[in-house]
Amino acid sequence: MASDFALSVPPELESALRLKTVQYFVTKRPWLDLYGINVRPVAPFGSVSSKPYVESALLHRCLPDELLFEVFARMTPHDLGRASCVCRKWRYTIRNPVFWRNACLKAWQLSGVVENFKILQSKYEGSWRKMWLLRPRVRTDGIYVSRNTYIRAGVAEWKITNPVHLVCYFRYMKFFPSGRFLYKNSSQKVKDVAKCMNFRASSTDCVFKGHYTLSDNQVEAAVLYPGLRPTVLRIRLRLRGTTVGANNRMDLLSLVTSGVNDSEINDPDEDILEVVEGWQDDESHNPDVPAVSHRRGMMPFVFVPFHEVETTVLNLPVEKMDYFVPG
């Protein structure tokens, strides 16, 4: 597996980022004296880590600092947060700006390196870790799920009263850092849908590809339904989180379906978001497919990480989910 350090950074920005990393190592931390002199962060290869040093922990004596640094460099931000709870040395090592710089540049790669660096200096005091925690971002390590229900009247058979059915269906969205996402509308549970939410899914899985943009905490997305009468689904969402940096909720602000002309679509995989940019909510370019602004099925999206798709409460049957509140 290749290292994430292959990200292209302009030379003038690289020198500033390297200076920030050096300042991290030379910063005085008097509170570390309370725990003894053995607590020190791991430096990257070729720096002060080459100096002879005797570690008290057996793990740190057997595993060179350079290898430990490479292990951390290949971890996801979520795993880095869990690894920082192992010991004091790992905690202060993971605070190295290099790890969080790579995570930020990958999460907001659509903005570009130069724009991300400007935002870093103007809003987050030059701290990549602070930027990761406070700046709204679309999470790519799981699936956003919106659970919706409605009541459908049944047919009375040898009964005085008509039966009532509680119907439950889900909207699924899986985002990628490249600006693409997958969308699926189904009554299947999360654990079943997670297996087919990929770009190799067959047409029978009814997984549709789309594009999205992120501006502050607003998400604009569009997906194309192919067929004899092509229809585009335009989605506007607002990112939020139950805790700082969680980004585990998305409010569904608007959901509009409109028709498009065949001449406007050259390739089913093209960026449909650019085609419908600037359209009004009541605008449609196909008279056979009028624009419809949906008012039902607008429950907020809840984020489900990949390691929780088998155990999440969203897999429970309808009769056990009447208490579910997205929050």
C-alpha atoms as a PDB file:
ATOM      1  CA  MET A   1       0.000   0.000   0.000  1.00  0.00           C
ATOM      2  CA  ALA A   2       1.481   3.326  -1.042  1.00  0.00           C
ATOM      3  CA  SER A   3       2.016   6.048   1.499  1.00  0.00           C
ATOM      4  CA  ASP A   4      -0.274   9.076   1.567  1.00  0.00           C
ATOM      5  CA  PHE A   5       2.710  11.399   1.386  1.00  0.00           C
ATOM      6  CA  ALA A   6       2.481  11.346  -2.414  1.00  0.00           C
ATOM      7  CA  LEU A   7       0.112  14.338  -2.315  1.00  0.00           C
ATOM      8  CA  SER A   8       1.413  17.114  -4.548  1.00  0.00           C
ATOM      9  CA  VAL A   9       2.015  20.303  -2.572  1.00  0.00           C
ATOM     10  CA  PRO A  10       3.497  23.475  -4.122  1.00  0.00           C
ATOM     11  CA  PRO A  11       7.105  24.154  -2.983  1.00  0.00           C
ATOM     12  CA  GLU A  12       6.252  27.464  -1.332  1.00  0.00           C
ATOM     13  CA  LEU A  13       3.527  25.797   0.730  1.00  0.00           C
ATOM     14  CA  GLU A  14       5.666  22.754   1.500  1.00  0.00           C
ATOM     15  CA  SER A  15       8.319  24.928   3.164  1.00  0.00           C
ATOM     16  CA  ALA A  16       5.690  26.594   5.349  1.00  0.00           C
ATOM     17  CA  LEU A  17       4.177  23.240   6.301  1.00  0.00           C
ATOM     18  CA  ARG A  18       7.603  21.843   7.154  1.00  0.00           C
ATOM     19  CA  LEU A  19       8.282  24.834   9.391  1.00  0.00           C
ATOM     20  CA  LYS A  20       4.987  24.165  11.187  1.00  0.00           C
ATOM     21  CA  THR A  21       6.016  20.544  11.761  1.00  0.00           C
ATOM     22  CA  VAL A  22       9.408  21.571  13.123  1.00  0.00           C
ATOM     23  CA  GLN A  23       7.754  23.988  15.535  1.00  0.00           C
ATOM     24  CA  TYR A  24       5.671  21.089  16.822  1.00  0.00           C
ATOM     25  CA  PHE A  25       8.798  19.179  17.884  1.00  0.00           C
ATOM     26  CA  VAL A  26      10.652  22.107  19.465  1.00  0.00           C
ATOM     27  CA  THR A  27       7.659  23.470  21.388  1.00  0.00           C
ATOM     28  CA  LYS A  28       8.243  23.365  25.139  1.00  0.00           C
ATOM     29  CA  ARG A  29       5.810  21.133  26.979  1.00  0.00           C
ATOM     30  CA  PRO A  30       6.580  21.442  30.708  1.00  0.00           C
ATOM     31  CA  TRP A  31       3.584  19.310  31.680  1.00  0.00           C
ATOM     32  CA  LEU A  32       5.333  16.283  30.172  1.00  0.00           C
ATOM     33  CA  ASP A  33       7.893  16.469  32.984  1.00  0.00           C
ATOM     34  CA  LEU A  34       5.174  15.265  35.328  1.00  0.00           C
ATOM     35  CA  TYR A  35       5.211  11.900  33.538  1.00  0.00           C
ATOM     36  CA  GLY A  36       8.959  11.497  33.184  1.00  0.00           C
ATOM     37  CA  ILE A  37      11.448  12.092  30.386  1.00  0.00           C
ATOM     38  CA  ASN A  38      10.421   8.988  28.456  1.00  0.00           C
ATOM     39  CA  VAL A  39       7.349  10.697  26.963  1.00  0.00           C
ATOM     40  CA  ARG A  40       8.268  12.162  23.611  1.00  0.00           C
ATOM     41  CA  PRO A  41       6.611  12.278  20.188  1.00  0.00           C
ATOM     42  CA  VAL A  42       7.855  10.227  17.267  1.00  0.00           C
ATOM     43  CA  ALA A  43       9.701  12.313  14.714  1.00  0.00           C
ATOM     44  CA  PRO A  44       9.558  11.585  10.966  1.00  0.00           C
ATOM     45  CA  PHE A  45      12.328   9.716   9.218  1.00  0.00           C
ATOM     46  CA  GLY A  46      15.598  11.595   8.950  1.00  0.00           C
ATOM     47  CA  SER A  47      15.022  14.035  11.822  1.00  0.00           C
ATOM     48  CA  VAL A  48      15.765  13.946  15.529  1.00  0.00           C
ATOM     49  CA  SER A  49      14.523  10.352  15.737  1.00  0.00           C
ATOM     50  CA  SER A  50      17.949   9.196  14.525  1.00  0.00           C
ATOM     51  CA  LYS A  51      19.499  10.206  17.857  1.00  0.00           C
ATOM     52  CA  PRO A  52      20.142   7.318  20.293  1.00  0.00           C
ATOM     53  CA  TYR A  53      17.368   7.025  22.837  1.00  0.00           C
ATOM     54  CA  VAL A  54      16.381   4.283  25.281  1.00  0.00           C
ATOM     55  CA  GLU A  55      12.675   3.557  25.504  1.00  0.00           C
ATOM     56  CA  SER A  56      11.097   2.162  28.637  1.00  0.00           C
ATOM     57  CA  ALA A  57       8.272   0.306  26.861  1.00  0.00           C
ATOM     58  CA  LEU A  58       9.157  -3.009  25.219  1.00  0.00           C
ATOM     59  CA  LEU A  59       6.961  -2.220  22.186  1.00  0.00           C
ATOM     60  CA  HIS A  60       8.802   1.016  21.509  1.00  0.00           C
ATOM     61  CA  ARG A  61      12.189  -0.702  21.848  1.00  0.00           C
ATOM     62  CA  CYS A  62      11.242  -3.423  19.359  1.00  0.00           C
ATOM     63  CA  LEU A  63       9.466  -1.153  16.851  1.00  0.00           C
ATOM     64  CA  PRO A  64      11.622   1.662  15.401  1.00  0.00           C
ATOM     65  CA  ASP A  65      10.174   5.152  15.404  1.00  0.00           C
ATOM     66  CA  GLU A  66      10.327   5.291  11.608  1.00  0.00           C
ATOM     67  CA  LEU A  67       8.093   2.204  11.263  1.00  0.00           C
ATOM     68  CA  LEU A  68       5.685   3.492  13.893  1.00  0.00           C
ATOM     69  CA  PHE A  69       5.458   6.743  11.970  1.00  0.00           C
ATOM     70  CA  GLU A  70       4.686   4.872   8.744  1.00  0.00           C
ATOM     71  CA  VAL A  71       1.964   2.862  10.513  1.00  0.00           C
ATOM     72  CA  PHE A  72       0.298   6.057  11.710  1.00  0.00           C
ATOM     73  CA  ALA A  73       0.622   7.594   8.253  1.00  0.00           C
ATOM     74  CA  ARG A  74      -1.538   4.776   6.815  1.00  0.00           C
ATOM     75  CA  MET A  75      -4.285   5.015   9.433  1.00  0.00           C
ATOM     76  CA  THR A  76      -7.606   6.726   8.910  1.00  0.00           C
ATOM     77  CA  PRO A  77      -8.364   9.756  11.112  1.00  0.00           C
ATOM     78  CA  HIS A  78     -10.857   7.660  13.099  1.00  0.00           C
ATOM     79  CA  ASP A  79      -8.207   5.022  13.791  1.00  0.00           C
ATOM     80  CA  LEU A  80      -5.691   7.735  14.708  1.00  0.00           C
ATOM     81  CA  GLY A  81      -8.097   9.013  17.337  1.00  0.00           C
ATOM     82  CA  ARG A  82      -8.455   5.525  18.800  1.00  0.00           C
ATOM     83  CA  ALA A  83      -4.697   4.914  18.706  1.00  0.00           C
ATOM     84  CA  SER A  84      -4.075   8.148  20.621  1.00  0.00           C
ATOM     85  CA  CYS A  85      -5.817   6.533  23.617  1.00  0.00           C
ATOM     86  CA  VAL A  86      -3.194   3.767  23.876  1.00  0.00           C
ATOM     87  CA  CYS A  87      -0.460   5.696  25.658  1.00  0.00           C
ATOM     88  CA  ARG A  88       0.917   9.197  26.160  1.00  0.00           C
ATOM     89  CA  LYS A  89       3.639   8.782  23.570  1.00  0.00           C
ATOM     90  CA  TRP A  90       1.187   7.773  20.858  1.00  0.00           C
ATOM     91  CA  ARG A  91      -1.144  10.594  21.823  1.00  0.00           C
ATOM     92  CA  TYR A  92       1.462  13.303  21.382  1.00  0.00           C
ATOM     93  CA  THR A  93       2.889  11.591  18.303  1.00  0.00           C
ATOM     94  CA  ILE A  94      -0.493  11.570  16.564  1.00  0.00           C
ATOM     95  CA  ARG A  95      -0.806  15.307  17.162  1.00  0.00           C
ATOM     96  CA  ASN A  96       1.892  15.688  14.501  1.00  0.00           C
ATOM     97  CA  PRO A  97       0.498  18.088  11.834  1.00  0.00           C
ATOM     98  CA  VAL A  98       1.686  15.796   9.028  1.00  0.00           C
ATOM     99  CA  PHE A  99      -1.027  13.205   9.725  1.00  0.00           C
ATOM    100  CA  TRP A 100      -3.853  15.744   9.862  1.00  0.00           C
ATOM    101  CA  ARG A 101      -2.546  17.629   6.835  1.00  0.00           C
ATOM    102  CA  ASN A 102      -2.878  14.506   4.690  1.00  0.00           C
ATOM    103  CA  ALA A 103      -6.371  13.838   6.039  1.00  0.00           C
ATOM    104  CA  CYS A 104      -7.513  17.407   5.351  1.00  0.00           C
ATOM    105  CA  LEU A 105      -6.080  17.561   1.835  1.00  0.00           C
ATOM    106  CA  LYS A 106      -7.819  14.289   0.985  1.00  0.00           C
ATOM    107  CA  ALA A 107     -11.170  15.245   2.536  1.00  0.00           C
ATOM    108  CA  TRP A 108     -11.316  18.653   0.796  1.00  0.00           C
ATOM    109  CA  GLN A 109      -9.394  17.762  -2.356  1.00  0.00           C
ATOM    110  CA  LEU A 110     -12.050  19.446  -4.518  1.00  0.00           C
ATOM    111  CA  SER A 111     -11.061  22.820  -3.055  1.00  0.00           C
ATOM    112  CA  GLY A 112      -7.418  22.439  -4.077  1.00  0.00           C
ATOM    113  CA  VAL A 113      -4.238  22.624  -2.009  1.00  0.00           C
ATOM    114  CA  VAL A 114      -3.791  26.404  -2.265  1.00  0.00           C
ATOM    115  CA  GLU A 115      -7.388  27.168  -1.250  1.00  0.00           C
ATOM    116  CA  ASN A 116      -7.191  24.736   1.671  1.00  0.00           C
ATOM    117  CA  PHE A 117      -3.993  26.405   2.854  1.00  0.00           C
ATOM    118  CA  LYS A 118      -5.668  29.843   2.741  1.00  0.00           C
ATOM    119  CA  ILE A 119      -8.610  28.569   4.772  1.00  0.00           C
ATOM    120  CA  LEU A 120      -6.193  26.945   7.221  1.00  0.00           C
ATOM    121  CA  GLN A 121      -4.418  30.227   7.914  1.00  0.00           C
ATOM    122  CA  SER A 122      -7.498  32.473   7.956  1.00  0.00           C
ATOM    123  CA  LYS A 123      -9.929  30.370  10.018  1.00  0.00           C
ATOM    124  CA  TYR A 124      -8.034  27.688  11.930  1.00  0.00           C
ATOM    125  CA  GLU A 125      -4.823  29.425  13.082  1.00  0.00           C
ATOM    126  CA  GLY A 126      -2.629  27.162  10.970  1.00  0.00           C
ATOM    127  CA  SER A 127      -3.703  23.975  12.795  1.00  0.00           C
ATOM    128  CA  TRP A 128      -4.587  21.058  10.522  1.00  0.00           C
ATOM    129  CA  ARG A 129      -6.056  19.114  13.432  1.00  0.00           C
ATOM    130  CA  LYS A 130      -8.296  22.031  14.383  1.00  0.00           C
ATOM    131  CA  MET A 131      -9.372  22.322  10.763  1.00  0.00           C
ATOM    132  CA  TRP A 132     -10.264  18.622  10.687  1.00  0.00           C
ATOM    133  CA  LEU A 133     -12.414  18.923  13.807  1.00  0.00           C
ATOM    134  CA  LEU A 134     -14.203  22.219  13.105  1.00  0.00           C
ATOM    135  CA  ARG A 135     -14.584  22.475   9.325  1.00  0.00           C
ATOM    136  CA  PRO A 136     -17.726  20.803   7.916  1.00  0.00           C
ATOM    137  CA  ARG A 137     -16.891  17.795   5.767  1.00  0.00           C
ATOM    138  CA  VAL A 138     -18.738  14.926   4.144  1.00  0.00           C
ATOM    139  CA  ARG A 139     -17.719  11.651   5.718  1.00  0.00           C
ATOM    140  CA  THR A 140     -16.600   8.866   3.394  1.00  0.00           C
ATOM    141  CA  ASP A 141     -16.038   6.058   5.919  1.00  0.00           C
ATOM    142  CA  GLY A 142     -19.655   4.943   5.959  1.00  0.00           C
ATOM    143  CA  ILE A 143     -23.171   5.495   4.587  1.00  0.00           C
ATOM    144  CA  TYR A 144     -25.717   8.238   5.264  1.00  0.00           C
ATOM    145  CA  VAL A 145     -29.171   6.738   5.851  1.00  0.00           C
ATOM    146  CA  SER A 146     -32.560   8.461   5.938  1.00  0.00           C
ATOM    147  CA  ARG A 147     -35.387   6.356   7.387  1.00  0.00           C
ATOM    148  CA  ASN A 148     -38.896   7.327   6.245  1.00  0.00           C
ATOM    149  CA  THR A 149     -42.315   5.883   7.032  1.00  0.00           C
ATOM    150  CA  TYR A 150     -45.856   6.412   5.825  1.00  0.00           C
ATOM    151  CA  ILE A 151     -49.243   4.806   6.445  1.00  0.00           C
ATOM    152  CA  ARG A 152     -51.023   2.954   3.644  1.00  0.00           C
ATOM    153  CA  ALA A 153     -54.621   1.803   3.939  1.00  0.00           C
ATOM    154  CA  GLY A 154     -55.200  -1.862   3.220  1.00  0.00           C
ATOM    155  CA  VAL A 155     -58.132  -3.766   1.762  1.00  0.00           C
ATOM    156  CA  ALA A 156     -60.763  -5.066   4.177  1.00  0.00           C
ATOM    157  CA  GLU A 157     -61.476  -8.774   3.846  1.00  0.00           C
ATOM    158  CA  TRP A 158     -64.233 -10.198   6.079  1.00  0.00           C
ATOM    159  CA  LYS A 159     -63.573  -7.430   8.576  1.00  0.00           C
ATOM    160  CA  ILE A 160     -65.519  -4.416   9.753  1.00  0.00           C
ATOM    161  CA  THR A 161     -62.546  -2.032   9.853  1.00  0.00           C
ATOM    162  CA  ASN A 162     -59.960  -1.438   7.140  1.00  0.00           C
ATOM    163  CA  PRO A 163     -56.416  -2.572   7.986  1.00  0.00           C
ATOM    164  CA  VAL A 164     -53.592  -0.053   8.076  1.00  0.00           C
ATOM    165  CA  HIS A 165     -50.024  -0.793   6.989  1.00  0.00           C
ATOM    166  CA  LEU A 166     -46.938   1.058   8.205  1.00  0.00           C
ATOM    167  CA  VAL A 167     -44.521   1.199   5.272  1.00  0.00           C
ATOM    168  CA  CYS A 168     -40.833   1.901   5.877  1.00  0.00           C
ATOM    169  CA  TYR A 169     -38.215   2.765   3.256  1.00  0.00           C
ATOM    170  CA  PHE A 170     -34.701   4.206   3.275  1.00  0.00           C
ATOM    171  CA  ARG A 171     -32.645   6.679   1.276  1.00  0.00           C
ATOM    172  CA  TYR A 172     -28.938   5.763   1.104  1.00  0.00           C
ATOM    173  CA  MET A 173     -26.061   8.041   0.124  1.00  0.00           C
ATOM    174  CA  LYS A 174     -22.400   7.065   0.008  1.00  0.00           C
ATOM    175  CA  PHE A 175     -19.919   9.867  -0.713  1.00  0.00           C
ATOM    176  CA  PHE A 176     -16.402   9.812  -2.146  1.00  0.00           C
ATOM    177  CA  PRO A 177     -13.670  12.491  -1.802  1.00  0.00           C
ATOM    178  CA  SER A 178     -13.523  12.899  -5.597  1.00  0.00           C
ATOM    179  CA  GLY A 179     -16.926  14.641  -5.676  1.00  0.00           C
ATOM    180  CA  ARG A 180     -18.995  11.599  -6.642  1.00  0.00           C
ATOM    181  CA  PHE A 181     -21.616   9.742  -4.632  1.00  0.00           C
ATOM    182  CA  LEU A 182     -23.942   6.743  -4.863  1.00  0.00           C
ATOM    183  CA  TYR A 183     -27.673   6.935  -4.214  1.00  0.00           C
ATOM    184  CA  LYS A 184     -30.198   4.200  -3.552  1.00  0.00           C
ATOM    185  CA  ASN A 185     -33.851   4.303  -2.531  1.00  0.00           C
ATOM    186  CA  SER A 186     -34.937   0.960  -1.084  1.00  0.00           C
ATOM    187  CA  SER A 187     -36.831  -0.851   1.656  1.00  0.00           C
ATOM    188  CA  GLN A 188     -33.807  -3.109   2.303  1.00  0.00           C
ATOM    189  CA  LYS A 189     -31.920  -2.863   5.573  1.00  0.00           C
ATOM    190  CA  VAL A 190     -28.539  -1.195   5.962  1.00  0.00           C
ATOM    191  CA  LYS A 191     -26.594  -4.444   6.291  1.00  0.00           C
ATOM    192  CA  ASP A 192     -27.943  -5.648   2.930  1.00  0.00           C
ATOM    193  CA  VAL A 193     -27.512  -2.390   1.022  1.00  0.00           C
ATOM    194  CA  ALA A 194     -23.930  -1.792   2.213  1.00  0.00           C
ATOM    195  CA  LYS A 195     -22.775  -4.781   0.143  1.00  0.00           C
ATOM    196  CA  CYS A 196     -23.887  -3.281  -3.180  1.00  0.00           C
ATOM    197  CA  MET A 197     -23.040   0.405  -2.603  1.00  0.00           C
ATOM    198  CA  ASN A 198     -20.106   0.533  -5.016  1.00  0.00           C
ATOM    199  CA  PHE A 199     -19.451   1.558  -8.618  1.00  0.00           C
ATOM    200  CA  ARG A 200     -19.423  -2.087  -9.716  1.00  0.00           C
ATOM    201  CA  ALA A 201     -23.057  -2.623  -8.716  1.00  0.00           C
ATOM    202  CA  SER A 202     -25.298  -4.116 -11.395  1.00  0.00           C
ATOM    203  CA  SER A 203     -28.370  -2.418 -12.806  1.00  0.00           C
ATOM    204  CA  THR A 204     -30.603  -4.738 -10.785  1.00  0.00           C
ATOM    205  CA  ASP A 205     -29.239  -3.221  -7.569  1.00  0.00           C
ATOM    206  CA  CYS A 206     -30.715   0.177  -8.577  1.00  0.00           C
ATOM    207  CA  VAL A 207     -27.652   2.080  -7.358  1.00  0.00           C
ATOM    208  CA  PHE A 208     -27.354   5.427  -9.165  1.00  0.00           C
ATOM    209  CA  LYS A 209     -24.233   7.556  -9.587  1.00  0.00           C
ATOM    210  CA  GLY A 210     -24.156  11.312  -9.061  1.00  0.00           C
ATOM    211  CA  HIS A 211     -21.962  14.310  -8.270  1.00  0.00           C
ATOM    212  CA  TYR A 212     -21.931  16.716  -5.350  1.00  0.00           C
ATOM    213  CA  THR A 213     -20.284  19.937  -4.178  1.00  0.00           C
ATOM    214  CA  LEU A 214     -19.637  21.152  -0.641  1.00  0.00           C
ATOM    215  CA  SER A 215     -19.737  24.844   0.276  1.00  0.00           C
ATOM    216  CA  ASP A 216     -19.290  25.498   3.986  1.00  0.00           C
ATOM    217  CA  ASN A 217     -21.992  23.211   5.454  1.00  0.00           C
ATOM    218  CA  GLN A 218     -24.237  23.130   2.365  1.00  0.00           C
ATOM    219  CA  VAL A 219     -24.208  20.105   0.050  1.00  0.00           C
ATOM    220  CA  GLU A 220     -25.562  20.313  -3.508  1.00  0.00           C
ATOM    221  CA  ALA A 221     -26.033  16.934  -5.190  1.00  0.00           C
ATOM    222  CA  ALA A 222     -27.616  15.638  -8.371  1.00  0.00           C
ATOM    223  CA  VAL A 223     -28.189  12.140  -9.718  1.00  0.00           C
ATOM    224  CA  LEU A 224     -29.567  11.047 -13.097  1.00  0.00           C
ATOM    225  CA  TYR A 225     -32.230   8.379 -13.535  1.00  0.00           C
ATOM    226  CA  PRO A 226     -31.664   7.000 -17.065  1.00  0.00           C
ATOM    227  CA  GLY A 227     -34.449   5.663 -19.239  1.00  0.00           C
ATOM    228  CA  LEU A 228     -36.856   6.673 -21.982  1.00  0.00           C
ATOM    229  CA  ARG A 229     -37.580   9.874 -20.074  1.00  0.00           C
ATOM    230  CA  PRO A 230     -34.369  10.837 -18.251  1.00  0.00           C
ATOM    231  CA  THR A 231     -35.050  12.396 -14.866  1.00  0.00           C
ATOM    232  CA  VAL A 232     -32.619  14.237 -12.642  1.00  0.00           C
ATOM    233  CA  LEU A 233     -32.927  14.234  -8.863  1.00  0.00           C
ATOM    234  CA  ARG A 234     -31.603  17.414  -7.242  1.00  0.00           C
ATOM    235  CA  ILE A 235     -30.802  17.260  -3.535  1.00  0.00           C
ATOM    236  CA  ARG A 236     -29.862  20.063  -1.139  1.00  0.00           C
ATOM    237  CA  LEU A 237     -28.522  19.081   2.274  1.00  0.00           C
ATOM    238  CA  ARG A 238     -27.106  20.753   5.360  1.00  0.00           C
ATOM    239  CA  LEU A 239     -24.283  19.125   7.316  1.00  0.00           C
ATOM    240  CA  ARG A 240     -24.240  19.083  11.103  1.00  0.00           C
ATOM    241  CA  GLY A 241     -23.040  16.882  13.935  1.00  0.00           C
ATOM    242  CA  THR A 242     -24.196  15.689  17.328  1.00  0.00           C
ATOM    243  CA  THR A 243     -20.671  16.433  18.662  1.00  0.00           C
ATOM    244  CA  VAL A 244     -17.769  18.564  17.480  1.00  0.00           C
ATOM    245  CA  GLY A 245     -16.278  17.129  14.289  1.00  0.00           C
ATOM    246  CA  ALA A 246     -18.811  14.291  14.030  1.00  0.00           C
ATOM    247  CA  ASN A 247     -20.582  15.415  10.800  1.00  0.00           C
ATOM    248  CA  ASN A 248     -22.945  12.507  11.360  1.00  0.00           C
ATOM    249  CA  ARG A 249     -26.214  14.212  10.398  1.00  0.00           C
ATOM    250  CA  MET A 250     -27.501  15.777   7.188  1.00  0.00           C
ATOM    251  CA  ASP A 251     -30.765  17.696   7.050  1.00  0.00           C
ATOM    252  CA  LEU A 252     -32.657  17.252   3.791  1.00  0.00           C
ATOM    253  CA  LEU A 253     -33.548  20.798   2.742  1.00  0.00           C
ATOM    254  CA  SER A 254     -35.059  20.133  -0.688  1.00  0.00           C
ATOM    255  CA  LEU A 255     -35.693  17.213  -3.011  1.00  0.00           C
ATOM    256  CA  VAL A 256     -36.680  18.057  -6.596  1.00  0.00           C
ATOM    257  CA  THR A 257     -37.161  15.849  -9.652  1.00  0.00           C
ATOM    258  CA  SER A 258     -37.007  17.418 -13.118  1.00  0.00           C
ATOM    259  CA  GLY A 259     -36.856  16.277 -16.715  1.00  0.00           C
ATOM    260  CA  VAL A 260     -33.831  16.777 -18.968  1.00  0.00           C
ATOM    261  CA  ASN A 261     -33.464  16.707 -22.735  1.00  0.00           C
ATOM    262  CA  ASP A 262     -31.567  13.921 -24.429  1.00  0.00           C
ATOM    263  CA  SER A 263     -29.339  16.546 -26.049  1.00  0.00           C
ATOM    264  CA  GLU A 264     -28.162  17.712 -22.622  1.00  0.00           C
ATOM    265  CA  ILE A 265     -26.833  14.268 -21.725  1.00  0.00           C
ATOM    266  CA  ASN A 266     -23.879  13.075 -23.777  1.00  0.00           C
ATOM    267  CA  ASP A 267     -22.614  10.490 -21.317  1.00  0.00           C
ATOM    268  CA  PRO A 268     -24.504   8.912 -18.387  1.00  0.00           C
ATOM    269  CA  ASP A 269     -21.338   9.265 -16.254  1.00  0.00           C
ATOM    270  CA  GLU A 270     -20.841  12.985 -16.916  1.00  0.00           C
ATOM    271  CA  ASP A 271     -21.248  15.588 -14.181  1.00  0.00           C
ATOM    272  CA  ILE A 272     -25.019  16.079 -14.165  1.00  0.00           C
ATOM    273  CA  LEU A 273     -24.618  18.717 -11.453  1.00  0.00           C
ATOM    274  CA  GLU A 274     -23.064  21.097 -13.995  1.00  0.00           C
ATOM    275  CA  VAL A 275     -26.011  20.546 -16.359  1.00  0.00           C
ATOM    276  CA  VAL A 276     -28.652  21.542 -13.788  1.00  0.00           C
ATOM    277  CA  GLU A 277     -26.607  24.334 -12.187  1.00  0.00           C
ATOM    278  CA  GLY A 278     -28.740  27.452 -11.806  1.00  0.00           C
ATOM    279  CA  TRP A 279     -32.061  25.673 -12.395  1.00  0.00           C
ATOM    280  CA  GLN A 280     -35.077  26.838 -10.416  1.00  0.00           C
ATOM    281  CA  ASP A 281     -37.076  24.387  -8.316  1.00  0.00           C
ATOM    282  CA  ASP A 282     -39.984  24.488 -10.809  1.00  0.00           C
ATOM    283  CA  GLU A 283     -37.780  24.237 -13.918  1.00  0.00           C
ATOM    284  CA  SER A 284     -37.881  21.239 -16.242  1.00  0.00           C
ATOM    285  CA  HIS A 285     -36.425  20.841 -19.733  1.00  0.00           C
ATOM    286  CA  ASN A 286     -38.725  17.988 -20.710  1.00  0.00           C
ATOM    287  CA  PRO A 287     -42.479  18.733 -20.933  1.00  0.00           C
ATOM    288  CA  ASP A 288     -43.273  15.059 -20.359  1.00  0.00           C
ATOM    289  CA  VAL A 289     -41.516  15.154 -16.962  1.00  0.00           C
ATOM    290  CA  PRO A 290     -42.733  18.127 -14.904  1.00  0.00           C
ATOM    291  CA  ALA A 291     -40.683  19.454 -12.003  1.00  0.00           C
ATOM    292  CA  VAL A 292     -41.876  18.130  -8.644  1.00  0.00           C
ATOM    293  CA  SER A 293     -40.722  19.445  -5.274  1.00  0.00           C
ATOM    294  CA  HIS A 294     -41.204  16.616  -2.798  1.00  0.00           C
ATOM    295  CA  ARG A 295     -42.479  17.341   0.701  1.00  0.00           C
ATOM    296  CA  ARG A 296     -42.621  13.814   2.063  1.00  0.00           C
ATOM    297  CA  GLY A 297     -39.777  11.505   2.932  1.00  0.00           C
ATOM    298  CA  MET A 298     -37.637  14.376   4.210  1.00  0.00           C
ATOM    299  CA  MET A 299     -36.257  12.782   7.360  1.00  0.00           C
ATOM    300  CA  PRO A 300     -32.638  13.715   8.220  1.00  0.00           C
ATOM    301  CA  PHE A 301     -29.787  11.446   7.206  1.00  0.00           C
ATOM    302  CA  VAL A 302     -27.933   9.551   9.943  1.00  0.00           C
ATOM    303  CA  PHE A 303     -24.352   8.452   9.379  1.00  0.00           C
ATOM    304  CA  VAL A 304     -23.581   4.751   9.858  1.00  0.00           C
ATOM    305  CA  PRO A 305     -19.858   3.793   9.783  1.00  0.00           C
ATOM    306  CA  PHE A 306     -18.891   0.682   7.848  1.00  0.00           C
ATOM    307  CA  HIS A 307     -17.985  -1.215  11.024  1.00  0.00           C
ATOM    308  CA  GLU A 308     -21.505  -0.652  12.420  1.00  0.00           C
ATOM    309  CA  VAL A 309     -23.672  -1.627   9.441  1.00  0.00           C
ATOM    310  CA  GLU A 310     -24.350  -5.064  10.940  1.00  0.00           C
ATOM    311  CA  THR A 311     -25.232  -3.832  14.434  1.00  0.00           C
ATOM    312  CA  THR A 312     -27.002  -0.512  13.853  1.00  0.00           C
ATOM    313  CA  VAL A 313     -30.569  -0.134  15.150  1.00  0.00           C
ATOM    314  CA  LEU A 314     -31.688   0.750  11.631  1.00  0.00           C
ATOM    315  CA  ASN A 315     -31.674  -2.981  10.873  1.00  0.00           C
ATOM    316  CA  LEU A 316     -34.500  -3.610  13.343  1.00  0.00           C
ATOM    317  CA  PRO A 317     -38.012  -4.320  12.008  1.00  0.00           C
ATOM    318  CA  VAL A 318     -40.631  -1.609  11.813  1.00  0.00           C
ATOM    319  CA  GLU A 319     -42.543  -2.673  14.940  1.00  0.00           C
ATOM    320  CA  LYS A 320     -39.385  -2.161  17.032  1.00  0.00           C
ATOM    321  CA  MET A 321     -38.407   1.181  15.517  1.00  0.00           C
ATOM    322  CA  ASP A 322     -41.312   3.398  16.504  1.00  0.00           C
ATOM    323  CA  TYR A 323     -39.004   5.080  19.047  1.00  0.00           C
ATOM    324  CA  PHE A 324     -36.317   5.998  16.482  1.00  0.00           C
ATOM    325  CA  VAL A 325     -35.485   9.726  16.377  1.00  0.00           C
ATOM    326  CA  PRO A 326     -32.563  10.883  14.158  1.00  0.00           C
ATOM    327  CA  GLY A 327     -31.602  13.741  16.502  1.00  0.00           C
END
